[in-house]
Amino acid sequence: MRQQVLVLYLANSALDSDVVGWARYDGTGTIRPTTGDGDEPPYTTGVAALEDGWRLFQAAQLLPPAPGHEYDTSFLKHEFLFEKLHGTSPSAG
């Protein structure tokens, strides 16, 4: 069994919000994605990834900003990790 991983950064904590950043990793070896290899995200929302068969396995904790830091810029905090598992299916007999 081999795994593909999709990291989507969304505009906010709602799974149906717009994708603003992404990364893909392919343990199957069929594709070799690299950072910045496309201008369009693989999905428009996290829900669209679910509809295409990706399984959500982690979402970022929602932590409020410290007082006085509400408008600071930093890392993309609405990170969602998805996976697809690929394996050989049993041969028909």
PDB file of N, CA and C in Angstrom:
ATOM      1  N   MET A   1       0.860  -1.171   0.000  1.00  0.00           N
ATOM      2  CA  MET A   1       0.000   0.000   0.000  1.00  0.00           C
ATOM      3  C   MET A   1       0.904   1.231   0.000  1.00  0.00           C
ATOM      4  N   ARG A   2       0.590   2.187  -0.862  1.00  0.00           N
ATOM      5  CA  ARG A   2       1.369   3.426  -0.955  1.00  0.00           C
ATOM      6  C   ARG A   2       0.456   4.623  -0.751  1.00  0.00           C
ATOM      7  N   GLN A   3       1.039   5.702  -0.304  1.00  0.00           N
ATOM      8  CA  GLN A   3       0.248   6.853   0.115  1.00  0.00           C
ATOM      9  C   GLN A   3       0.587   8.092  -0.707  1.00  0.00           C
ATOM     10  N   GLN A   4      -0.448   8.843  -1.045  1.00  0.00           N
ATOM     11  CA  GLN A   4      -0.296  10.191  -1.583  1.00  0.00           C
ATOM     12  C   GLN A   4      -0.782  11.143  -0.500  1.00  0.00           C
ATOM     13  N   VAL A   5      -0.080  12.278  -0.335  1.00  0.00           N
ATOM     14  CA  VAL A   5      -0.442  13.260   0.679  1.00  0.00           C
ATOM     15  C   VAL A   5      -0.685  14.600  -0.005  1.00  0.00           C
ATOM     16  N   LEU A   6      -1.750  15.263   0.382  1.00  0.00           N
ATOM     17  CA  LEU A   6      -2.119  16.573  -0.134  1.00  0.00           C
ATOM     18  C   LEU A   6      -2.277  17.517   1.049  1.00  0.00           C
ATOM     19  N   VAL A   7      -1.555  18.624   1.031  1.00  0.00           N
ATOM     20  CA  VAL A   7      -1.651  19.635   2.080  1.00  0.00           C
ATOM     21  C   VAL A   7      -2.345  20.846   1.471  1.00  0.00           C
ATOM     22  N   LEU A   8      -3.484  21.221   2.024  1.00  0.00           N
ATOM     23  CA  LEU A   8      -4.214  22.400   1.557  1.00  0.00           C
ATOM     24  C   LEU A   8      -4.253  23.436   2.667  1.00  0.00           C
ATOM     25  N   TYR A   9      -3.913  24.659   2.325  1.00  0.00           N
ATOM     26  CA  TYR A   9      -4.056  25.791   3.240  1.00  0.00           C
ATOM     27  C   TYR A   9      -5.276  26.564   2.769  1.00  0.00           C
ATOM     28  N   LEU A  10      -6.253  26.720   3.640  1.00  0.00           N
ATOM     29  CA  LEU A  10      -7.512  27.352   3.269  1.00  0.00           C
ATOM     30  C   LEU A  10      -7.582  28.778   3.789  1.00  0.00           C
ATOM     31  N   ALA A  11      -8.490  29.555   3.213  1.00  0.00           N
ATOM     32  CA  ALA A  11      -8.635  30.969   3.579  1.00  0.00           C
ATOM     33  C   ALA A  11      -9.074  31.136   5.031  1.00  0.00           C
ATOM     34  N   ASN A  12      -9.798  30.158   5.552  1.00  0.00           N
ATOM     35  CA  ASN A  12     -10.192  30.186   6.960  1.00  0.00           C
ATOM     36  C   ASN A  12     -10.389  28.755   7.434  1.00  0.00           C
ATOM     37  N   SER A  13     -10.951  28.565   8.582  1.00  0.00           N
ATOM     38  CA  SER A  13     -11.046  27.230   9.168  1.00  0.00           C
ATOM     39  C   SER A  13     -12.169  26.375   8.589  1.00  0.00           C
ATOM     40  N   ALA A  14     -13.000  26.925   7.726  1.00  0.00           N
ATOM     41  CA  ALA A  14     -14.100  26.161   7.128  1.00  0.00           C
ATOM     42  C   ALA A  14     -13.572  25.316   5.971  1.00  0.00           C
ATOM     43  N   LEU A  15     -13.911  24.056   5.961  1.00  0.00           N
ATOM     44  CA  LEU A  15     -13.431  23.132   4.943  1.00  0.00           C
ATOM     45  C   LEU A  15     -13.909  23.497   3.540  1.00  0.00           C
ATOM     46  N   ASP A  16     -14.953  24.300   3.453  1.00  0.00           N
ATOM     47  CA  ASP A  16     -15.448  24.713   2.128  1.00  0.00           C
ATOM     48  C   ASP A  16     -14.937  26.095   1.719  1.00  0.00           C
ATOM     49  N   SER A  17     -13.924  26.623   2.422  1.00  0.00           N
ATOM     50  CA  SER A  17     -13.346  27.916   2.028  1.00  0.00           C
ATOM     51  C   SER A  17     -12.299  27.697   0.942  1.00  0.00           C
ATOM     52  N   ASP A  18     -11.891  28.792   0.296  1.00  0.00           N
ATOM     53  CA  ASP A  18     -10.974  28.728  -0.843  1.00  0.00           C
ATOM     54  C   ASP A  18      -9.574  28.262  -0.448  1.00  0.00           C
ATOM     55  N   VAL A  19      -8.939  27.507  -1.328  1.00  0.00           N
ATOM     56  CA  VAL A  19      -7.547  27.088  -1.156  1.00  0.00           C
ATOM     57  C   VAL A  19      -6.643  28.276  -1.489  1.00  0.00           C
ATOM     58  N   VAL A  20      -5.717  28.606  -0.585  1.00  0.00           N
ATOM     59  CA  VAL A  20      -4.778  29.709  -0.803  1.00  0.00           C
ATOM     60  C   VAL A  20      -3.337  29.220  -0.943  1.00  0.00           C
ATOM     61  N   GLY A  21      -3.078  27.971  -0.612  1.00  0.00           N
ATOM     62  CA  GLY A  21      -1.753  27.388  -0.751  1.00  0.00           C
ATOM     63  C   GLY A  21      -1.877  25.877  -0.704  1.00  0.00           C
ATOM     64  N   TRP A  22      -0.885  25.165  -1.287  1.00  0.00           N
ATOM     65  CA  TRP A  22      -0.982  23.716  -1.334  1.00  0.00           C
ATOM     66  C   TRP A  22       0.389  23.099  -1.564  1.00  0.00           C
ATOM     67  N   ALA A  23       0.478  21.804  -1.253  1.00  0.00           N
ATOM     68  CA  ALA A  23       1.654  20.988  -1.539  1.00  0.00           C
ATOM     69  C   ALA A  23       1.167  19.558  -1.741  1.00  0.00           C
ATOM     70  N   ARG A  24       1.846  18.834  -2.637  1.00  0.00           N
ATOM     71  CA  ARG A  24       1.502  17.431  -2.896  1.00  0.00           C
ATOM     72  C   ARG A  24       2.749  16.579  -2.745  1.00  0.00           C
ATOM     73  N   TYR A  25       2.549  15.369  -2.243  1.00  0.00           N
ATOM     74  CA  TYR A  25       3.635  14.407  -2.103  1.00  0.00           C
ATOM     75  C   TYR A  25       3.100  13.057  -2.577  1.00  0.00           C
ATOM     76  N   ASP A  26       3.865  12.361  -3.398  1.00  0.00           N
ATOM     77  CA  ASP A  26       3.376  11.136  -4.011  1.00  0.00           C
ATOM     78  C   ASP A  26       4.272   9.958  -3.683  1.00  0.00           C
ATOM     79  N   GLY A  27       3.801   9.106  -2.791  1.00  0.00           N
ATOM     80  CA  GLY A  27       4.535   7.899  -2.438  1.00  0.00           C
ATOM     81  C   GLY A  27       4.368   6.774  -3.434  1.00  0.00           C
ATOM     82  N   THR A  28       3.502   6.959  -4.433  1.00  0.00           N
ATOM     83  CA  THR A  28       3.325   5.918  -5.451  1.00  0.00           C
ATOM     84  C   THR A  28       4.396   6.011  -6.525  1.00  0.00           C
ATOM     85  N   GLY A  29       5.048   7.168  -6.640  1.00  0.00           N
ATOM     86  CA  GLY A  29       6.082   7.348  -7.649  1.00  0.00           C
ATOM     87  C   GLY A  29       5.565   7.647  -9.037  1.00  0.00           C
ATOM     88  N   THR A  30       4.260   7.828  -9.192  1.00  0.00           N
ATOM     89  CA  THR A  30       3.711   8.082 -10.532  1.00  0.00           C
ATOM     90  C   THR A  30       3.865   9.533 -10.964  1.00  0.00           C
ATOM     91  N   ILE A  31       3.920  10.465 -10.009  1.00  0.00           N
ATOM     92  CA  ILE A  31       4.158  11.868 -10.341  1.00  0.00           C
ATOM     93  C   ILE A  31       5.230  12.411  -9.409  1.00  0.00           C
ATOM     94  N   ARG A  32       5.888  13.469  -9.816  1.00  0.00           N
ATOM     95  CA  ARG A  32       6.925  14.107  -9.006  1.00  0.00           C
ATOM     96  C   ARG A  32       6.592  15.586  -8.841  1.00  0.00           C
ATOM     97  N   PRO A  33       5.575  15.908  -8.011  1.00  0.00           N
ATOM     98  CA  PRO A  33       5.216  17.316  -7.841  1.00  0.00           C
ATOM     99  C   PRO A  33       6.317  18.080  -7.113  1.00  0.00           C
ATOM    100  N   THR A  34       6.457  19.353  -7.456  1.00  0.00           N
ATOM    101  CA  THR A  34       7.419  20.217  -6.773  1.00  0.00           C
ATOM    102  C   THR A  34       6.723  21.505  -6.378  1.00  0.00           C
ATOM    103  N   THR A  35       7.281  22.183  -5.411  1.00  0.00           N
ATOM    104  CA  THR A  35       6.717  23.446  -4.947  1.00  0.00           C
ATOM    105  C   THR A  35       6.701  24.446  -6.088  1.00  0.00           C
ATOM    106  N   GLY A  36       5.568  25.099  -6.274  1.00  0.00           N
ATOM    107  CA  GLY A  36       5.452  26.130  -7.299  1.00  0.00           C
ATOM    108  C   GLY A  36       5.324  25.592  -8.707  1.00  0.00           C
ATOM    109  N   ASP A  37       4.924  24.313  -8.858  1.00  0.00           N
ATOM    110  CA  ASP A  37       4.834  23.751 -10.202  1.00  0.00           C
ATOM    111  C   ASP A  37       3.515  24.043 -10.905  1.00  0.00           C
ATOM    112  N   GLY A  38       2.673  24.874 -10.299  1.00  0.00           N
ATOM    113  CA  GLY A  38       1.421  25.252 -10.928  1.00  0.00           C
ATOM    114  C   GLY A  38       0.845  26.506 -10.309  1.00  0.00           C
ATOM    115  N   ASP A  39       0.096  27.244 -11.117  1.00  0.00           N
ATOM    116  CA  ASP A  39      -0.534  28.470 -10.628  1.00  0.00           C
ATOM    117  C   ASP A  39      -1.927  28.227 -10.062  1.00  0.00           C
ATOM    118  N   GLU A  40      -2.516  27.101 -10.399  1.00  0.00           N
ATOM    119  CA  GLU A  40      -3.866  26.777  -9.952  1.00  0.00           C
ATOM    120  C   GLU A  40      -3.805  25.649  -8.930  1.00  0.00           C
ATOM    121  N   PRO A  41      -4.548  25.778  -7.828  1.00  0.00           N
ATOM    122  CA  PRO A  41      -4.543  24.698  -6.836  1.00  0.00           C
ATOM    123  C   PRO A  41      -5.187  23.442  -7.414  1.00  0.00           C
ATOM    124  N   PRO A  42      -4.831  22.278  -6.885  1.00  0.00           N
ATOM    125  CA  PRO A  42      -5.421  21.034  -7.390  1.00  0.00           C
ATOM    126  C   PRO A  42      -6.922  20.946  -7.113  1.00  0.00           C
ATOM    127  N   TYR A  43      -7.397  21.663  -6.103  1.00  0.00           N
ATOM    128  CA  TYR A  43      -8.823  21.724  -5.762  1.00  0.00           C
ATOM    129  C   TYR A  43      -9.143  23.139  -5.319  1.00  0.00           C
ATOM    130  N   THR A  44     -10.375  23.569  -5.503  1.00  0.00           N
ATOM    131  CA  THR A  44     -10.756  24.926  -5.108  1.00  0.00           C
ATOM    132  C   THR A  44     -11.047  25.029  -3.621  1.00  0.00           C
ATOM    133  N   THR A  45     -11.477  23.924  -3.005  1.00  0.00           N
ATOM    134  CA  THR A  45     -11.802  23.881  -1.577  1.00  0.00           C
ATOM    135  C   THR A  45     -11.387  22.527  -1.005  1.00  0.00           C
ATOM    136  N   GLY A  46     -11.386  22.434   0.315  1.00  0.00           N
ATOM    137  CA  GLY A  46     -11.144  21.149   0.955  1.00  0.00           C
ATOM    138  C   GLY A  46     -12.250  20.154   0.672  1.00  0.00           C
ATOM    139  N   VAL A  47     -13.477  20.622   0.588  1.00  0.00           N
ATOM    140  CA  VAL A  47     -14.612  19.741   0.284  1.00  0.00           C
ATOM    141  C   VAL A  47     -14.442  19.115  -1.100  1.00  0.00           C
ATOM    142  N   ALA A  48     -13.934  19.876  -2.058  1.00  0.00           N
ATOM    143  CA  ALA A  48     -13.716  19.347  -3.412  1.00  0.00           C
ATOM    144  C   ALA A  48     -12.719  18.183  -3.369  1.00  0.00           C
ATOM    145  N   ALA A  49     -11.700  18.270  -2.515  1.00  0.00           N
ATOM    146  CA  ALA A  49     -10.743  17.167  -2.369  1.00  0.00           C
ATOM    147  C   ALA A  49     -11.436  15.939  -1.776  1.00  0.00           C
ATOM    148  N   LEU A  50     -12.290  16.147  -0.785  1.00  0.00           N
ATOM    149  CA  LEU A  50     -13.053  15.030  -0.206  1.00  0.00           C
ATOM    150  C   LEU A  50     -13.925  14.366  -1.257  1.00  0.00           C
ATOM    151  N   GLU A  51     -14.571  15.169  -2.073  1.00  0.00           N
ATOM    152  CA  GLU A  51     -15.454  14.634  -3.123  1.00  0.00           C
ATOM    153  C   GLU A  51     -14.681  13.821  -4.152  1.00  0.00           C
ATOM    154  N   ASP A  52     -13.378  14.091  -4.293  1.00  0.00           N
ATOM    155  CA  ASP A  52     -12.542  13.360  -5.247  1.00  0.00           C
ATOM    156  C   ASP A  52     -11.871  12.145  -4.609  1.00  0.00           C
ATOM    157  N   GLY A  53     -12.218  11.828  -3.373  1.00  0.00           N
ATOM    158  CA  GLY A  53     -11.719  10.610  -2.750  1.00  0.00           C
ATOM    159  C   GLY A  53     -10.568  10.783  -1.783  1.00  0.00           C
ATOM    160  N   TRP A  54     -10.125  12.011  -1.537  1.00  0.00           N
ATOM    161  CA  TRP A  54      -9.081  12.241  -0.542  1.00  0.00           C
ATOM    162  C   TRP A  54      -9.688  12.108   0.845  1.00  0.00           C
ATOM    163  N   ARG A  55      -8.945  11.506   1.761  1.00  0.00           N
ATOM    164  CA  ARG A  55      -9.394  11.340   3.145  1.00  0.00           C
ATOM    165  C   ARG A  55      -8.710  12.388   4.000  1.00  0.00           C
ATOM    166  N   LEU A  56      -9.497  13.145   4.754  1.00  0.00           N
ATOM    167  CA  LEU A  56      -8.956  14.145   5.664  1.00  0.00           C
ATOM    168  C   LEU A  56      -8.427  13.441   6.897  1.00  0.00           C
ATOM    169  N   PHE A  57      -7.146  13.668   7.241  1.00  0.00           N
ATOM    170  CA  PHE A  57      -6.626  13.031   8.445  1.00  0.00           C
ATOM    171  C   PHE A  57      -6.043  13.999   9.453  1.00  0.00           C
ATOM    172  N   GLN A  58      -5.972  15.265   9.136  1.00  0.00           N
ATOM    173  CA  GLN A  58      -5.526  16.228  10.140  1.00  0.00           C
ATOM    174  C   GLN A  58      -5.963  17.622   9.747  1.00  0.00           C
ATOM    175  N   ALA A  59      -6.396  18.391  10.717  1.00  0.00           N
ATOM    176  CA  ALA A  59      -6.712  19.807  10.537  1.00  0.00           C
ATOM    177  C   ALA A  59      -5.995  20.578  11.637  1.00  0.00           C
ATOM    178  N   ALA A  60      -5.573  21.789  11.318  1.00  0.00           N
ATOM    179  CA  ALA A  60      -4.836  22.602  12.278  1.00  0.00           C
ATOM    180  C   ALA A  60      -5.715  22.975  13.466  1.00  0.00           C
ATOM    181  N   GLN A  61      -5.076  23.073  14.628  1.00  0.00           N
ATOM    182  CA  GLN A  61      -5.778  23.566  15.814  1.00  0.00           C
ATOM    183  C   GLN A  61      -6.155  25.022  15.602  1.00  0.00           C
ATOM    184  N   LEU A  62      -7.301  25.394  16.097  1.00  0.00           N
ATOM    185  CA  LEU A  62      -7.710  26.793  16.035  1.00  0.00           C
ATOM    186  C   LEU A  62      -7.263  27.486  17.309  1.00  0.00           C
ATOM    187  N   LEU A  63      -6.241  28.302  17.179  1.00  0.00           N
ATOM    188  CA  LEU A  63      -5.691  29.020  18.328  1.00  0.00           C
ATOM    189  C   LEU A  63      -5.897  30.514  18.116  1.00  0.00           C
ATOM    190  N   PRO A  64      -6.472  31.197  19.068  1.00  0.00           N
ATOM    191  CA  PRO A  64      -6.666  32.635  18.909  1.00  0.00           C
ATOM    192  C   PRO A  64      -5.333  33.375  18.980  1.00  0.00           C
ATOM    193  N   PRO A  65      -5.210  34.498  18.276  1.00  0.00           N
ATOM    194  CA  PRO A  65      -3.971  35.269  18.366  1.00  0.00           C
ATOM    195  C   PRO A  65      -3.833  35.892  19.749  1.00  0.00           C
ATOM    196  N   ALA A  66      -2.588  36.126  20.131  1.00  0.00           N
ATOM    197  CA  ALA A  66      -2.329  36.790  21.407  1.00  0.00           C
ATOM    198  C   ALA A  66      -2.820  38.235  21.326  1.00  0.00           C
ATOM    199  N   PRO A  67      -3.305  38.782  22.419  1.00  0.00           N
ATOM    200  CA  PRO A  67      -3.773  40.174  22.402  1.00  0.00           C
ATOM    201  C   PRO A  67      -2.699  41.105  21.825  1.00  0.00           C
ATOM    202  N   GLY A  68      -3.131  41.967  20.905  1.00  0.00           N
ATOM    203  CA  GLY A  68      -2.220  42.899  20.257  1.00  0.00           C
ATOM    204  C   GLY A  68      -1.574  42.353  18.993  1.00  0.00           C
ATOM    205  N   HIS A  69      -1.805  41.072  18.688  1.00  0.00           N
ATOM    206  CA  HIS A  69      -1.191  40.453  17.506  1.00  0.00           C
ATOM    207  C   HIS A  69      -2.244  39.973  16.500  1.00  0.00           C
ATOM    208  N   GLU A  70      -3.431  40.524  16.568  1.00  0.00           N
ATOM    209  CA  GLU A  70      -4.528  40.082  15.706  1.00  0.00           C
ATOM    210  C   GLU A  70      -4.244  40.293  14.220  1.00  0.00           C
ATOM    211  N   TYR A  71      -3.407  41.256  13.876  1.00  0.00           N
ATOM    212  CA  TYR A  71      -3.164  41.577  12.462  1.00  0.00           C
ATOM    213  C   TYR A  71      -1.743  41.265  12.014  1.00  0.00           C
ATOM    214  N   ASP A  72      -0.982  40.533  12.830  1.00  0.00           N
ATOM    215  CA  ASP A  72       0.363  40.119  12.421  1.00  0.00           C
ATOM    216  C   ASP A  72       0.260  39.087  11.299  1.00  0.00           C
ATOM    217  N   THR A  73       1.229  39.104  10.398  1.00  0.00           N
ATOM    218  CA  THR A  73       1.289  38.060   9.375  1.00  0.00           C
ATOM    219  C   THR A  73       2.296  37.008   9.817  1.00  0.00           C
ATOM    220  N   SER A  74       2.059  35.778   9.405  1.00  0.00           N
ATOM    221  CA  SER A  74       2.894  34.671   9.831  1.00  0.00           C
ATOM    222  C   SER A  74       2.680  33.516   8.865  1.00  0.00           C
ATOM    223  N   PHE A  75       2.786  32.309   9.355  1.00  0.00           N
ATOM    224  CA  PHE A  75       2.549  31.115   8.552  1.00  0.00           C
ATOM    225  C   PHE A  75       1.070  31.008   8.192  1.00  0.00           C
ATOM    226  N   LEU A  76       0.767  30.153   7.215  1.00  0.00           N
ATOM    227  CA  LEU A  76      -0.627  29.891   6.867  1.00  0.00           C
ATOM    228  C   LEU A  76      -1.185  28.923   7.898  1.00  0.00           C
ATOM    229  N   LYS A  77      -2.152  29.373   8.675  1.00  0.00           N
ATOM    230  CA  LYS A  77      -2.567  28.591   9.837  1.00  0.00           C
ATOM    231  C   LYS A  77      -3.723  27.631   9.602  1.00  0.00           C
ATOM    232  N   HIS A  78      -4.426  27.731   8.513  1.00  0.00           N
ATOM    233  CA  HIS A  78      -5.578  26.836   8.289  1.00  0.00           C
ATOM    234  C   HIS A  78      -5.145  25.687   7.384  1.00  0.00           C
ATOM    235  N   GLU A  79      -4.344  24.783   7.956  1.00  0.00           N
ATOM    236  CA  GLU A  79      -3.740  23.683   7.218  1.00  0.00           C
ATOM    237  C   GLU A  79      -4.576  22.419   7.382  1.00  0.00           C
ATOM    238  N   PHE A  80      -4.853  21.759   6.264  1.00  0.00           N
ATOM    239  CA  PHE A  80      -5.589  20.498   6.263  1.00  0.00           C
ATOM    240  C   PHE A  80      -4.765  19.470   5.504  1.00  0.00           C
ATOM    241  N   LEU A  81      -4.583  18.281   6.074  1.00  0.00           N
ATOM    242  CA  LEU A  81      -3.819  17.219   5.443  1.00  0.00           C
ATOM    243  C   LEU A  81      -4.765  16.122   4.984  1.00  0.00           C
ATOM    244  N   PHE A  82      -4.598  15.710   3.737  1.00  0.00           N
ATOM    245  CA  PHE A  82      -5.426  14.675   3.126  1.00  0.00           C
ATOM    246  C   PHE A  82      -4.526  13.547   2.637  1.00  0.00           C
ATOM    247  N   GLU A  83      -5.088  12.345   2.492  1.00  0.00           N
ATOM    248  CA  GLU A  83      -4.336  11.233   1.942  1.00  0.00           C
ATOM    249  C   GLU A  83      -5.203  10.416   1.011  1.00  0.00           C
ATOM    250  N   LYS A  84      -4.548   9.740   0.079  1.00  0.00           N
ATOM    251  CA  LYS A  84      -5.149   8.694  -0.739  1.00  0.00           C
ATOM    252  C   LYS A  84      -4.245   7.500  -0.617  1.00  0.00           C
ATOM    253  N   LEU A  85      -4.820   6.331  -0.423  1.00  0.00           N
ATOM    254  CA  LEU A  85      -4.049   5.104  -0.333  1.00  0.00           C
ATOM    255  C   LEU A  85      -4.220   4.326  -1.628  1.00  0.00           C
ATOM    256  N   HIS A  86      -3.114   3.818  -2.132  1.00  0.00           N
ATOM    257  CA  HIS A  86      -3.129   3.040  -3.366  1.00  0.00           C
ATOM    258  C   HIS A  86      -2.460   1.706  -3.085  1.00  0.00           C
ATOM    259  N   GLY A  87      -3.069   0.656  -3.523  1.00  0.00           N
ATOM    260  CA  GLY A  87      -2.487  -0.670  -3.340  1.00  0.00           C
ATOM    261  C   GLY A  87      -2.896  -1.557  -4.489  1.00  0.00           C
ATOM    262  N   THR A  88      -2.308  -2.704  -4.523  1.00  0.00           N
ATOM    263  CA  THR A  88      -2.684  -3.659  -5.558  1.00  0.00           C
ATOM    264  C   THR A  88      -3.962  -4.346  -5.124  1.00  0.00           C
ATOM    265  N   SER A  89      -4.882  -4.432  -6.022  1.00  0.00           N
ATOM    266  CA  SER A  89      -6.142  -5.109  -5.701  1.00  0.00           C
ATOM    267  C   SER A  89      -5.969  -6.605  -5.986  1.00  0.00           C
ATOM    268  N   PRO A  90      -6.680  -7.429  -5.247  1.00  0.00           N
ATOM    269  CA  PRO A  90      -6.565  -8.866  -5.466  1.00  0.00           C
ATOM    270  C   PRO A  90      -6.990  -9.218  -6.886  1.00  0.00           C
ATOM    271  N   SER A  91      -6.292 -10.154  -7.467  1.00  0.00           N
ATOM    272  CA  SER A  91      -6.645 -10.550  -8.835  1.00  0.00           C
ATOM    273  C   SER A  91      -7.950 -11.330  -8.831  1.00  0.00           C
ATOM    274  N   ALA A  92      -8.722 -11.083  -9.881  1.00  0.00           N
ATOM    275  CA  ALA A  92      -9.996 -11.795 -10.002  1.00  0.00           C
ATOM    276  C   ALA A  92      -9.717 -13.249 -10.313  1.00  0.00           C
ATOM    277  N   GLY A  93     -10.469 -14.130  -9.707  1.00  0.00           N
ATOM    278  CA  GLY A  93     -10.160 -15.542  -9.920  1.00  0.00           C
ATOM    279  C   GLY A  93     -11.362 -16.283 -10.167  1.00  0.00           C
TER     280      GLY A  93
END
